[in-house]
Amino acid sequence: MQTRPAICRKKARYSSEAEALGVAERAPFILRPYRCGLCRGFHLTSRTKGMRVPDFERKRRRNNA
């Protein structure tokens, strides 16, 4: 999946994956960081189908089960 320039400009940009993961962990829904091919920063997406789910989300799911 490639981010379009208009989408990249609208999304929050994080300088590191760790910073993006910190924000994703506090969100009330599943978010996953990815490196943007345009700005080389990290953005967050809710698309997780076929993608690696962050560790904190796996722990959250285990605790809720």
C-alpha atoms as a PDB file:
ATOM      1  CA  MET A   1       0.000   0.000   0.000  1.00  0.00           C
ATOM      2  CA  GLN A   2       1.409   3.355  -0.988  1.00  0.00           C
ATOM      3  CA  THR A   3       0.412   6.604   0.682  1.00  0.00           C
ATOM      4  CA  ARG A   4      -0.768   9.345  -1.652  1.00  0.00           C
ATOM      5  CA  PRO A   5       0.717  12.840  -1.174  1.00  0.00           C
ATOM      6  CA  ALA A   6      -2.605  14.368  -0.058  1.00  0.00           C
ATOM      7  CA  ILE A   7      -3.069  11.659   2.588  1.00  0.00           C
ATOM      8  CA  CYS A   8       0.517  12.028   3.811  1.00  0.00           C
ATOM      9  CA  ARG A   9       0.033  15.763   4.351  1.00  0.00           C
ATOM     10  CA  LYS A  10      -3.160  15.207   6.378  1.00  0.00           C
ATOM     11  CA  LYS A  11      -1.788  12.495   8.675  1.00  0.00           C
ATOM     12  CA  ALA A  12       0.236  13.076  11.818  1.00  0.00           C
ATOM     13  CA  ARG A  13       3.925  12.367  11.232  1.00  0.00           C
ATOM     14  CA  TYR A  14       6.133  10.690  13.835  1.00  0.00           C
ATOM     15  CA  SER A  15       9.916  10.704  13.652  1.00  0.00           C
ATOM     16  CA  SER A  16      10.348   7.184  15.031  1.00  0.00           C
ATOM     17  CA  GLU A  17       8.420   3.937  15.143  1.00  0.00           C
ATOM     18  CA  ALA A  18       8.657   3.960  18.952  1.00  0.00           C
ATOM     19  CA  GLU A  19       6.956   7.361  19.107  1.00  0.00           C
ATOM     20  CA  ALA A  20       4.168   6.174  16.785  1.00  0.00           C
ATOM     21  CA  LEU A  21       3.719   2.978  18.828  1.00  0.00           C
ATOM     22  CA  GLY A  22       3.350   5.063  21.991  1.00  0.00           C
ATOM     23  CA  VAL A  23       0.490   7.020  20.443  1.00  0.00           C
ATOM     24  CA  ALA A  24      -1.099   3.838  19.024  1.00  0.00           C
ATOM     25  CA  GLU A  25      -0.999   2.189  22.443  1.00  0.00           C
ATOM     26  CA  ARG A  26      -3.065   4.984  24.000  1.00  0.00           C
ATOM     27  CA  ALA A  27      -5.725   4.867  21.265  1.00  0.00           C
ATOM     28  CA  PRO A  28      -9.055   3.172  22.133  1.00  0.00           C
ATOM     29  CA  PHE A  29      -8.939   1.193  18.863  1.00  0.00           C
ATOM     30  CA  ILE A  30      -6.283  -0.790  16.990  1.00  0.00           C
ATOM     31  CA  LEU A  31      -3.676   1.310  15.198  1.00  0.00           C
ATOM     32  CA  ARG A  32      -0.470   0.168  13.543  1.00  0.00           C
ATOM     33  CA  PRO A  33       2.519   2.314  12.573  1.00  0.00           C
ATOM     34  CA  TYR A  34       4.067   2.178   9.117  1.00  0.00           C
ATOM     35  CA  ARG A  35       6.910   3.998   7.404  1.00  0.00           C
ATOM     36  CA  CYS A  36       5.711   6.404   4.724  1.00  0.00           C
ATOM     37  CA  GLY A  37       7.466   6.119   1.385  1.00  0.00           C
ATOM     38  CA  LEU A  38       6.974   9.828   0.698  1.00  0.00           C
ATOM     39  CA  CYS A  39       8.074  11.638   3.852  1.00  0.00           C
ATOM     40  CA  ARG A  40      10.135   8.773   5.375  1.00  0.00           C
ATOM     41  CA  GLY A  41       8.386   9.396   8.706  1.00  0.00           C
ATOM     42  CA  PHE A  42       5.896   7.112  10.426  1.00  0.00           C
ATOM     43  CA  HIS A  43       2.106   7.358  10.205  1.00  0.00           C
ATOM     44  CA  LEU A  44      -0.643   5.341  11.893  1.00  0.00           C
ATOM     45  CA  THR A  45      -3.222   3.221  10.124  1.00  0.00           C
ATOM     46  CA  SER A  46      -6.193   1.184  11.272  1.00  0.00           C
ATOM     47  CA  ARG A  47      -5.623  -1.348   8.500  1.00  0.00           C
ATOM     48  CA  THR A  48      -4.237  -4.492  10.072  1.00  0.00           C
ATOM     49  CA  LYS A  49      -5.418  -7.273   7.751  1.00  0.00           C
ATOM     50  CA  GLY A  50      -2.416  -9.436   6.970  1.00  0.00           C
ATOM     51  CA  MET A  51      -0.114  -7.137   8.952  1.00  0.00           C
ATOM     52  CA  ARG A  52       1.830  -7.707  12.149  1.00  0.00           C
ATOM     53  CA  VAL A  53      -0.229  -6.625  15.144  1.00  0.00           C
ATOM     54  CA  PRO A  54       1.782  -4.663  17.768  1.00  0.00           C
ATOM     55  CA  ASP A  55       2.746  -6.514  20.968  1.00  0.00           C
ATOM     56  CA  PHE A  56       0.643  -4.259  23.198  1.00  0.00           C
ATOM     57  CA  GLU A  57      -2.451  -5.110  21.151  1.00  0.00           C
ATOM     58  CA  ARG A  58      -1.846  -8.869  21.446  1.00  0.00           C
ATOM     59  CA  LYS A  59      -1.555  -8.474  25.242  1.00  0.00           C
ATOM     60  CA  ARG A  60      -4.737  -6.364  25.304  1.00  0.00           C
ATOM     61  CA  ARG A  61      -6.614  -9.067  23.383  1.00  0.00           C
ATOM     62  CA  ARG A  62      -5.349 -11.823  25.719  1.00  0.00           C
ATOM     63  CA  ASN A  63      -6.461  -9.876  28.795  1.00  0.00           C
ATOM     64  CA  ASN A  64      -9.934  -9.291  27.365  1.00  0.00           C
ATOM     65  CA  ALA A  65     -10.429 -12.943  26.399  1.00  0.00           C
END
